[in-house]
Amino acid sequence: MHVSPVCYQQTYIFNDTVFHNVALYQAYSKEEVINALKKAGIYDTIQKLPDGVAEKIRENGSNFSGGELQRIALARLFLRNKTMTFLDEITSGLDNETAYEIEKRLLEGDMTIINITHRYHKALMRKYDEIIVMDNGKIVERGSFDGLIEKGKGFYNLFII
């Protein structure tokens, strides 16, 4: 069975090094972890730490910001390079520019992505094959970005606001 990673807005962090928090105790090289950290937009921050990827993350990630912890979770995703993933508000703790860059990198890959988001950037939304709009747990619209905008209904109203 092929298990796809899930990346939540709330990140579980181990009381261990950055390396082990990204590699999750699997046999990845330091170079692979660094490349994943770069894709997640956090490597510049990590390399400035006294011990770099060997820096210890304290209990519950108390020595990192929420956005940094989210990018560590994203590095886990990039490292595994799976064909499908589920994303749940993974950029909610990030500034708009960083969120845009990370989502753009994810969409550049050859991966099926199911993404729960409340951020609507036109250039990125156009890259999704299908957008599903839900209200109270029910699908109320589905289609391409341009198709949903043309309809001028629920998604259009969410996007314009």
N, C-alpha and C. Protein backbone atom coordinates (compact mmCIF):
# COMPACT_ATOMS: atom_id res chain seq x y z
N MET A 1 0.83 -1.17 0.00
CA MET A 1 0.00 0.00 0.00
C MET A 1 0.89 1.24 0.00
N HIS A 2 0.55 2.22 -0.80
CA HIS A 2 1.30 3.47 -0.91
C HIS A 2 0.64 4.51 -0.03
N VAL A 3 1.35 4.98 0.96
CA VAL A 3 0.80 5.96 1.88
C VAL A 3 1.26 7.35 1.46
N SER A 4 0.31 8.25 1.31
CA SER A 4 0.63 9.63 0.96
C SER A 4 0.75 10.47 2.22
N PRO A 5 1.70 11.38 2.22
CA PRO A 5 1.85 12.24 3.40
C PRO A 5 0.71 13.23 3.53
N VAL A 6 0.43 13.60 4.75
CA VAL A 6 -0.54 14.63 5.06
C VAL A 6 0.21 15.73 5.78
N CYS A 7 -0.03 16.95 5.40
CA CYS A 7 0.65 18.08 6.02
C CYS A 7 -0.42 19.01 6.59
N TYR A 8 -0.47 19.09 7.92
CA TYR A 8 -1.48 19.90 8.61
C TYR A 8 -0.92 21.26 8.99
N GLN A 9 -1.83 22.19 9.27
CA GLN A 9 -1.37 23.50 9.73
C GLN A 9 -0.75 23.40 11.11
N GLN A 10 -1.19 22.47 11.94
CA GLN A 10 -0.58 22.22 13.24
C GLN A 10 0.50 21.16 13.06
N THR A 11 1.73 21.48 13.38
CA THR A 11 2.87 20.61 13.12
C THR A 11 3.30 19.87 14.39
N TYR A 12 3.47 18.57 14.27
CA TYR A 12 4.01 17.80 15.39
C TYR A 12 5.53 17.84 15.31
N ILE A 13 6.15 18.25 16.39
CA ILE A 13 7.61 18.39 16.44
C ILE A 13 8.16 17.51 17.54
N PHE A 14 9.28 16.85 17.23
CA PHE A 14 9.97 16.01 18.21
C PHE A 14 11.01 16.84 18.94
N ASN A 15 11.28 16.49 20.16
CA ASN A 15 12.34 17.11 20.96
C ASN A 15 13.67 16.52 20.49
N ASP A 16 14.12 16.96 19.31
CA ASP A 16 15.31 16.41 18.67
C ASP A 16 15.85 17.44 17.67
N THR A 17 16.81 17.05 16.87
CA THR A 17 17.45 17.97 15.93
C THR A 17 16.52 18.32 14.77
N VAL A 18 16.87 19.40 14.08
CA VAL A 18 16.16 19.77 12.86
C VAL A 18 16.24 18.61 11.87
N PHE A 19 17.44 18.03 11.72
CA PHE A 19 17.64 16.91 10.80
C PHE A 19 16.63 15.79 11.07
N HIS A 20 16.54 15.34 12.31
CA HIS A 20 15.65 14.23 12.65
C HIS A 20 14.18 14.63 12.54
N ASN A 21 13.86 15.89 12.77
CA ASN A 21 12.48 16.35 12.62
C ASN A 21 12.05 16.38 11.16
N VAL A 22 12.99 16.53 10.25
CA VAL A 22 12.68 16.49 8.83
C VAL A 22 12.74 15.06 8.31
N ALA A 23 13.80 14.34 8.63
CA ALA A 23 13.99 12.98 8.13
C ALA A 23 13.09 11.96 8.83
N LEU A 24 12.57 12.34 10.00
CA LEU A 24 11.72 11.45 10.79
C LEU A 24 12.37 10.08 10.99
N TYR A 25 13.66 10.12 11.31
CA TYR A 25 14.45 8.93 11.68
C TYR A 25 14.56 7.91 10.56
N GLN A 26 14.41 8.37 9.33
CA GLN A 26 14.61 7.49 8.18
C GLN A 26 15.97 7.79 7.57
N ALA A 27 16.45 6.92 6.72
CA ALA A 27 17.81 6.99 6.18
C ALA A 27 17.93 7.98 5.02
N TYR A 28 17.88 9.26 5.35
CA TYR A 28 18.13 10.31 4.36
C TYR A 28 19.48 10.93 4.64
N SER A 29 20.13 11.40 3.60
CA SER A 29 21.42 12.05 3.77
C SER A 29 21.24 13.50 4.22
N LYS A 30 22.31 14.07 4.74
CA LYS A 30 22.28 15.47 5.14
C LYS A 30 21.96 16.35 3.94
N GLU A 31 22.53 16.01 2.78
CA GLU A 31 22.30 16.78 1.56
C GLU A 31 20.82 16.75 1.15
N GLU A 32 20.19 15.58 1.26
CA GLU A 32 18.77 15.47 0.92
C GLU A 32 17.91 16.32 1.86
N VAL A 33 18.24 16.30 3.14
CA VAL A 33 17.49 17.09 4.11
C VAL A 33 17.69 18.58 3.83
N ILE A 34 18.91 18.98 3.55
CA ILE A 34 19.20 20.40 3.24
C ILE A 34 18.42 20.84 2.00
N ASN A 35 18.39 20.01 0.96
CA ASN A 35 17.63 20.36 -0.25
C ASN A 35 16.15 20.52 0.06
N ALA A 36 15.60 19.66 0.91
CA ALA A 36 14.20 19.76 1.31
C ALA A 36 13.96 21.05 2.10
N LEU A 37 14.89 21.39 2.99
CA LEU A 37 14.78 22.63 3.76
C LEU A 37 14.83 23.85 2.84
N LYS A 38 15.64 23.78 1.79
CA LYS A 38 15.72 24.87 0.81
C LYS A 38 14.39 25.03 0.08
N LYS A 39 13.81 23.91 -0.37
CA LYS A 39 12.52 23.97 -1.08
C LYS A 39 11.43 24.53 -0.18
N ALA A 40 11.52 24.24 1.11
CA ALA A 40 10.52 24.72 2.06
C ALA A 40 10.78 26.15 2.51
N GLY A 41 11.87 26.74 2.02
CA GLY A 41 12.16 28.14 2.32
C GLY A 41 12.63 28.40 3.74
N ILE A 42 13.24 27.40 4.39
CA ILE A 42 13.67 27.56 5.78
C ILE A 42 15.18 27.36 5.95
N TYR A 43 15.86 26.93 4.92
CA TYR A 43 17.29 26.61 5.07
C TYR A 43 18.13 27.82 5.47
N ASP A 44 17.86 28.98 4.92
CA ASP A 44 18.64 30.17 5.29
C ASP A 44 18.58 30.43 6.79
N THR A 45 17.42 30.23 7.37
CA THR A 45 17.26 30.39 8.83
C THR A 45 18.02 29.31 9.58
N ILE A 46 17.90 28.07 9.12
CA ILE A 46 18.54 26.93 9.80
C ILE A 46 20.06 27.04 9.75
N GLN A 47 20.61 27.45 8.63
CA GLN A 47 22.07 27.50 8.52
C GLN A 47 22.69 28.58 9.41
N LYS A 48 21.89 29.55 9.84
CA LYS A 48 22.38 30.59 10.74
C LYS A 48 22.41 30.15 12.20
N LEU A 49 21.75 29.04 12.50
CA LEU A 49 21.74 28.52 13.87
C LEU A 49 23.12 27.98 14.23
N PRO A 50 23.50 28.02 15.50
CA PRO A 50 24.85 27.56 15.90
C PRO A 50 25.19 26.16 15.39
N ASP A 51 24.23 25.24 15.40
CA ASP A 51 24.51 23.86 14.97
C ASP A 51 23.84 23.49 13.64
N GLY A 52 23.30 24.46 12.93
CA GLY A 52 22.67 24.18 11.63
C GLY A 52 21.60 23.12 11.73
N VAL A 53 21.66 22.11 10.85
CA VAL A 53 20.64 21.06 10.86
C VAL A 53 20.76 20.17 12.10
N ALA A 54 21.87 20.27 12.82
CA ALA A 54 22.04 19.51 14.06
C ALA A 54 21.49 20.27 15.28
N GLU A 55 20.96 21.47 15.04
CA GLU A 55 20.36 22.27 16.13
C GLU A 55 19.17 21.51 16.71
N LYS A 56 19.09 21.50 18.01
CA LYS A 56 18.01 20.80 18.69
C LYS A 56 16.76 21.68 18.75
N ILE A 57 15.63 21.10 18.40
CA ILE A 57 14.35 21.77 18.53
C ILE A 57 13.80 21.35 19.89
N ARG A 58 13.48 22.35 20.70
CA ARG A 58 12.99 22.04 22.05
C ARG A 58 11.56 21.51 22.01
N GLU A 59 11.13 21.00 23.15
CA GLU A 59 9.79 20.45 23.33
C GLU A 59 8.74 21.36 22.69
N ASN A 60 7.92 20.79 21.84
CA ASN A 60 6.85 21.51 21.13
C ASN A 60 7.37 22.63 20.23
N GLY A 61 8.64 22.62 19.92
CA GLY A 61 9.19 23.63 19.01
C GLY A 61 9.24 25.02 19.59
N SER A 62 9.37 25.12 20.90
CA SER A 62 9.28 26.42 21.58
C SER A 62 10.38 27.40 21.16
N ASN A 63 11.46 26.92 20.57
CA ASN A 63 12.53 27.83 20.13
C ASN A 63 12.41 28.20 18.64
N PHE A 64 11.27 27.88 18.02
CA PHE A 64 11.01 28.24 16.63
C PHE A 64 9.64 28.89 16.55
N SER A 65 9.44 29.74 15.54
CA SER A 65 8.13 30.37 15.35
C SER A 65 7.18 29.37 14.70
N GLY A 66 5.90 29.67 14.73
CA GLY A 66 4.91 28.81 14.09
C GLY A 66 5.16 28.65 12.60
N GLY A 67 5.53 29.73 11.93
CA GLY A 67 5.83 29.68 10.50
C GLY A 67 7.05 28.83 10.21
N GLU A 68 8.06 28.90 11.06
CA GLU A 68 9.26 28.08 10.88
C GLU A 68 8.92 26.60 11.06
N LEU A 69 8.08 26.30 12.03
CA LEU A 69 7.67 24.91 12.25
C LEU A 69 6.86 24.39 11.07
N GLN A 70 6.02 25.23 10.49
CA GLN A 70 5.27 24.81 9.30
C GLN A 70 6.21 24.51 8.15
N ARG A 71 7.25 25.31 8.00
CA ARG A 71 8.21 25.07 6.91
C ARG A 71 9.03 23.81 7.17
N ILE A 72 9.27 23.46 8.42
CA ILE A 72 9.93 22.18 8.72
C ILE A 72 9.01 21.03 8.31
N ALA A 73 7.72 21.17 8.56
CA ALA A 73 6.75 20.14 8.13
C ALA A 73 6.72 20.05 6.61
N LEU A 74 6.81 21.18 5.94
CA LEU A 74 6.84 21.18 4.47
C LEU A 74 8.12 20.52 3.96
N ALA A 75 9.22 20.72 4.66
CA ALA A 75 10.47 20.07 4.27
C ALA A 75 10.30 18.55 4.32
N ARG A 76 9.57 18.06 5.31
CA ARG A 76 9.27 16.62 5.38
C ARG A 76 8.59 16.17 4.09
N LEU A 77 7.64 16.97 3.65
CA LEU A 77 6.89 16.65 2.44
C LEU A 77 7.80 16.66 1.21
N PHE A 78 8.60 17.70 1.07
CA PHE A 78 9.51 17.79 -0.07
C PHE A 78 10.52 16.64 -0.07
N LEU A 79 10.99 16.26 1.09
CA LEU A 79 11.99 15.20 1.21
C LEU A 79 11.44 13.87 0.68
N ARG A 80 10.20 13.58 0.95
CA ARG A 80 9.62 12.29 0.58
C ARG A 80 9.22 12.21 -0.89
N ASN A 81 9.00 13.33 -1.53
CA ASN A 81 8.76 13.39 -2.97
C ASN A 81 7.72 12.35 -3.43
N LYS A 82 6.58 12.33 -2.76
CA LYS A 82 5.52 11.38 -3.08
C LYS A 82 4.71 11.85 -4.29
N THR A 83 3.87 10.98 -4.81
CA THR A 83 3.07 11.32 -5.98
C THR A 83 1.74 11.97 -5.60
N MET A 84 1.37 11.88 -4.31
CA MET A 84 0.11 12.47 -3.87
C MET A 84 0.25 12.95 -2.44
N THR A 85 -0.39 14.08 -2.14
CA THR A 85 -0.36 14.58 -0.78
C THR A 85 -1.64 15.35 -0.46
N PHE A 86 -1.93 15.41 0.82
CA PHE A 86 -3.06 16.18 1.33
C PHE A 86 -2.50 17.33 2.15
N LEU A 87 -2.92 18.54 1.86
CA LEU A 87 -2.43 19.72 2.57
C LEU A 87 -3.60 20.40 3.26
N ASP A 88 -3.45 20.67 4.54
CA ASP A 88 -4.51 21.32 5.31
C ASP A 88 -4.00 22.64 5.86
N GLU A 89 -4.29 23.72 5.14
CA GLU A 89 -3.91 25.07 5.57
C GLU A 89 -2.42 25.16 5.94
N ILE A 90 -1.57 24.56 5.11
CA ILE A 90 -0.15 24.46 5.46
C ILE A 90 0.59 25.79 5.41
N THR A 91 0.02 26.80 4.81
CA THR A 91 0.71 28.09 4.75
C THR A 91 0.03 29.14 5.63
N SER A 92 -0.86 28.72 6.51
CA SER A 92 -1.63 29.69 7.30
C SER A 92 -0.75 30.54 8.22
N GLY A 93 0.37 30.02 8.70
CA GLY A 93 1.24 30.78 9.60
C GLY A 93 2.34 31.53 8.88
N LEU A 94 2.27 31.59 7.56
CA LEU A 94 3.34 32.23 6.79
C LEU A 94 2.86 33.54 6.18
N ASP A 95 3.80 34.43 5.93
CA ASP A 95 3.45 35.67 5.25
C ASP A 95 3.07 35.34 3.81
N ASN A 96 2.38 36.24 3.15
CA ASN A 96 1.85 35.99 1.80
C ASN A 96 2.93 35.63 0.80
N GLU A 97 4.06 36.32 0.83
CA GLU A 97 5.12 36.05 -0.14
C GLU A 97 5.71 34.65 0.03
N THR A 98 5.99 34.26 1.27
CA THR A 98 6.54 32.93 1.54
C THR A 98 5.52 31.85 1.19
N ALA A 99 4.27 32.07 1.56
CA ALA A 99 3.20 31.11 1.25
C ALA A 99 3.09 30.92 -0.26
N TYR A 100 3.15 32.00 -1.01
CA TYR A 100 3.07 31.94 -2.47
C TYR A 100 4.22 31.11 -3.03
N GLU A 101 5.44 31.39 -2.59
CA GLU A 101 6.62 30.69 -3.11
C GLU A 101 6.56 29.19 -2.82
N ILE A 102 6.13 28.83 -1.63
CA ILE A 102 6.06 27.41 -1.27
C ILE A 102 4.99 26.69 -2.07
N GLU A 103 3.81 27.28 -2.17
CA GLU A 103 2.75 26.65 -2.94
C GLU A 103 3.15 26.53 -4.41
N LYS A 104 3.83 27.54 -4.91
CA LYS A 104 4.31 27.51 -6.30
C LYS A 104 5.26 26.33 -6.50
N ARG A 105 6.20 26.12 -5.57
CA ARG A 105 7.14 24.99 -5.67
C ARG A 105 6.41 23.66 -5.64
N LEU A 106 5.40 23.56 -4.78
CA LEU A 106 4.62 22.32 -4.72
C LEU A 106 3.92 22.05 -6.05
N LEU A 107 3.36 23.09 -6.65
CA LEU A 107 2.62 22.93 -7.89
C LEU A 107 3.52 22.70 -9.10
N GLU A 108 4.79 23.02 -8.98
CA GLU A 108 5.74 22.77 -10.07
C GLU A 108 6.09 21.30 -10.19
N GLY A 109 5.91 20.55 -9.13
CA GLY A 109 6.23 19.13 -9.13
C GLY A 109 5.16 18.32 -9.83
N ASP A 110 5.45 17.04 -9.98
CA ASP A 110 4.51 16.12 -10.61
C ASP A 110 3.80 15.35 -9.50
N MET A 111 2.91 16.05 -8.81
CA MET A 111 2.26 15.49 -7.63
C MET A 111 0.77 15.82 -7.67
N THR A 112 -0.05 14.87 -7.26
CA THR A 112 -1.46 15.15 -7.06
C THR A 112 -1.59 15.78 -5.68
N ILE A 113 -2.20 16.95 -5.63
CA ILE A 113 -2.32 17.69 -4.38
C ILE A 113 -3.80 17.94 -4.09
N ILE A 114 -4.21 17.56 -2.90
CA ILE A 114 -5.53 17.95 -2.41
C ILE A 114 -5.23 18.98 -1.33
N ASN A 115 -5.61 20.22 -1.59
CA ASN A 115 -5.20 21.34 -0.76
C ASN A 115 -6.41 22.06 -0.18
N ILE A 116 -6.48 22.08 1.14
CA ILE A 116 -7.51 22.87 1.82
C ILE A 116 -6.87 24.23 2.10
N THR A 117 -7.47 25.28 1.56
CA THR A 117 -6.86 26.60 1.71
C THR A 117 -7.92 27.69 1.77
N HIS A 118 -7.50 28.80 2.36
CA HIS A 118 -8.32 30.00 2.34
C HIS A 118 -7.54 31.15 1.68
N ARG A 119 -6.43 30.81 1.07
CA ARG A 119 -5.64 31.80 0.33
C ARG A 119 -5.92 31.62 -1.15
N TYR A 120 -6.27 32.70 -1.80
CA TYR A 120 -6.65 32.62 -3.21
C TYR A 120 -5.76 33.53 -4.04
N HIS A 121 -4.69 32.99 -4.56
CA HIS A 121 -3.83 33.76 -5.45
C HIS A 121 -4.12 33.30 -6.88
N LYS A 122 -4.53 34.23 -7.70
CA LYS A 122 -5.00 33.93 -9.05
C LYS A 122 -4.01 33.06 -9.83
N ALA A 123 -2.74 33.42 -9.86
CA ALA A 123 -1.76 32.66 -10.64
C ALA A 123 -1.64 31.22 -10.15
N LEU A 124 -1.73 31.02 -8.85
CA LEU A 124 -1.64 29.66 -8.30
C LEU A 124 -2.94 28.90 -8.50
N MET A 125 -4.07 29.55 -8.28
CA MET A 125 -5.36 28.87 -8.41
C MET A 125 -5.56 28.35 -9.83
N ARG A 126 -5.02 29.05 -10.80
CA ARG A 126 -5.13 28.61 -12.20
C ARG A 126 -4.36 27.32 -12.46
N LYS A 127 -3.40 27.01 -11.62
CA LYS A 127 -2.59 25.80 -11.81
C LYS A 127 -3.30 24.53 -11.35
N TYR A 128 -4.34 24.68 -10.54
CA TYR A 128 -5.07 23.50 -10.07
C TYR A 128 -6.01 23.02 -11.17
N ASP A 129 -6.08 21.70 -11.35
CA ASP A 129 -6.97 21.11 -12.36
C ASP A 129 -8.43 21.33 -11.99
N GLU A 130 -8.71 21.23 -10.70
CA GLU A 130 -10.09 21.39 -10.26
C GLU A 130 -10.12 22.04 -8.89
N ILE A 131 -11.06 22.93 -8.72
CA ILE A 131 -11.30 23.58 -7.43
C ILE A 131 -12.67 23.14 -6.97
N ILE A 132 -12.73 22.69 -5.73
CA ILE A 132 -14.00 22.26 -5.15
C ILE A 132 -14.32 23.23 -4.02
N VAL A 133 -15.49 23.84 -4.08
CA VAL A 133 -15.94 24.79 -3.07
C VAL A 133 -16.96 24.10 -2.19
N MET A 134 -16.70 24.15 -0.89
CA MET A 134 -17.62 23.51 0.06
C MET A 134 -18.24 24.55 0.98
N ASP A 135 -19.45 24.25 1.41
CA ASP A 135 -20.14 25.08 2.38
C ASP A 135 -20.89 24.15 3.32
N ASN A 136 -20.60 24.24 4.60
CA ASN A 136 -21.22 23.37 5.60
C ASN A 136 -21.08 21.89 5.26
N GLY A 137 -19.88 21.51 4.78
CA GLY A 137 -19.59 20.11 4.49
C GLY A 137 -20.16 19.58 3.19
N LYS A 138 -20.75 20.42 2.38
CA LYS A 138 -21.32 20.00 1.11
C LYS A 138 -20.64 20.72 -0.05
N ILE A 139 -20.44 19.98 -1.13
CA ILE A 139 -19.87 20.59 -2.34
C ILE A 139 -20.93 21.47 -2.97
N VAL A 140 -20.58 22.74 -3.16
CA VAL A 140 -21.53 23.68 -3.77
C VAL A 140 -21.10 24.12 -5.17
N GLU A 141 -19.82 23.97 -5.47
CA GLU A 141 -19.31 24.30 -6.81
C GLU A 141 -18.04 23.50 -7.06
N ARG A 142 -17.78 23.27 -8.32
CA ARG A 142 -16.51 22.65 -8.70
C ARG A 142 -16.21 23.02 -10.15
N GLY A 143 -14.92 23.13 -10.44
CA GLY A 143 -14.50 23.47 -11.79
C GLY A 143 -13.13 24.11 -11.80
N SER A 144 -12.74 24.61 -12.95
CA SER A 144 -11.45 25.30 -13.07
C SER A 144 -11.59 26.71 -12.48
N PHE A 145 -10.46 27.34 -12.22
CA PHE A 145 -10.48 28.70 -11.69
C PHE A 145 -11.29 29.62 -12.61
N ASP A 146 -10.94 29.63 -13.90
CA ASP A 146 -11.62 30.53 -14.84
C ASP A 146 -13.10 30.21 -14.96
N GLY A 147 -13.43 28.92 -14.96
CA GLY A 147 -14.83 28.51 -15.06
C GLY A 147 -15.64 28.98 -13.86
N LEU A 148 -15.06 28.86 -12.67
CA LEU A 148 -15.76 29.30 -11.46
C LEU A 148 -15.89 30.82 -11.40
N ILE A 149 -14.88 31.52 -11.85
CA ILE A 149 -14.96 32.99 -11.89
C ILE A 149 -16.07 33.43 -12.87
N GLU A 150 -16.12 32.76 -14.03
CA GLU A 150 -17.14 33.10 -15.03
C GLU A 150 -18.56 32.88 -14.50
N LYS A 151 -18.74 31.86 -13.67
CA LYS A 151 -20.08 31.58 -13.11
C LYS A 151 -20.55 32.73 -12.23
N GLY A 152 -19.60 33.41 -11.57
CA GLY A 152 -19.95 34.55 -10.73
C GLY A 152 -20.76 34.20 -9.49
N LYS A 153 -20.56 33.00 -8.95
CA LYS A 153 -21.33 32.58 -7.77
C LYS A 153 -20.43 32.51 -6.54
N GLY A 154 -20.52 31.41 -5.79
CA GLY A 154 -19.83 31.27 -4.50
C GLY A 154 -18.33 31.49 -4.54
N PHE A 155 -17.63 30.78 -5.43
CA PHE A 155 -16.18 30.94 -5.50
C PHE A 155 -15.81 32.36 -5.92
N TYR A 156 -16.51 32.87 -6.88
CA TYR A 156 -16.28 34.24 -7.34
C TYR A 156 -16.37 35.20 -6.16
N ASN A 157 -17.40 35.05 -5.34
CA ASN A 157 -17.58 35.92 -4.19
C ASN A 157 -16.47 35.74 -3.17
N LEU A 158 -16.01 34.52 -2.95
CA LEU A 158 -14.87 34.28 -2.04
C LEU A 158 -13.60 34.91 -2.56
N PHE A 159 -13.39 34.78 -3.87
CA PHE A 159 -12.16 35.28 -4.48
C PHE A 159 -12.12 36.81 -4.50
N ILE A 160 -13.22 37.44 -4.77
CA ILE A 160 -13.28 38.90 -4.89
C ILE A 160 -13.12 39.57 -3.52
N ILE A 161 -13.64 38.95 -2.48
CA ILE A 161 -13.62 39.57 -1.14
C ILE A 161 -12.23 39.81 -0.66
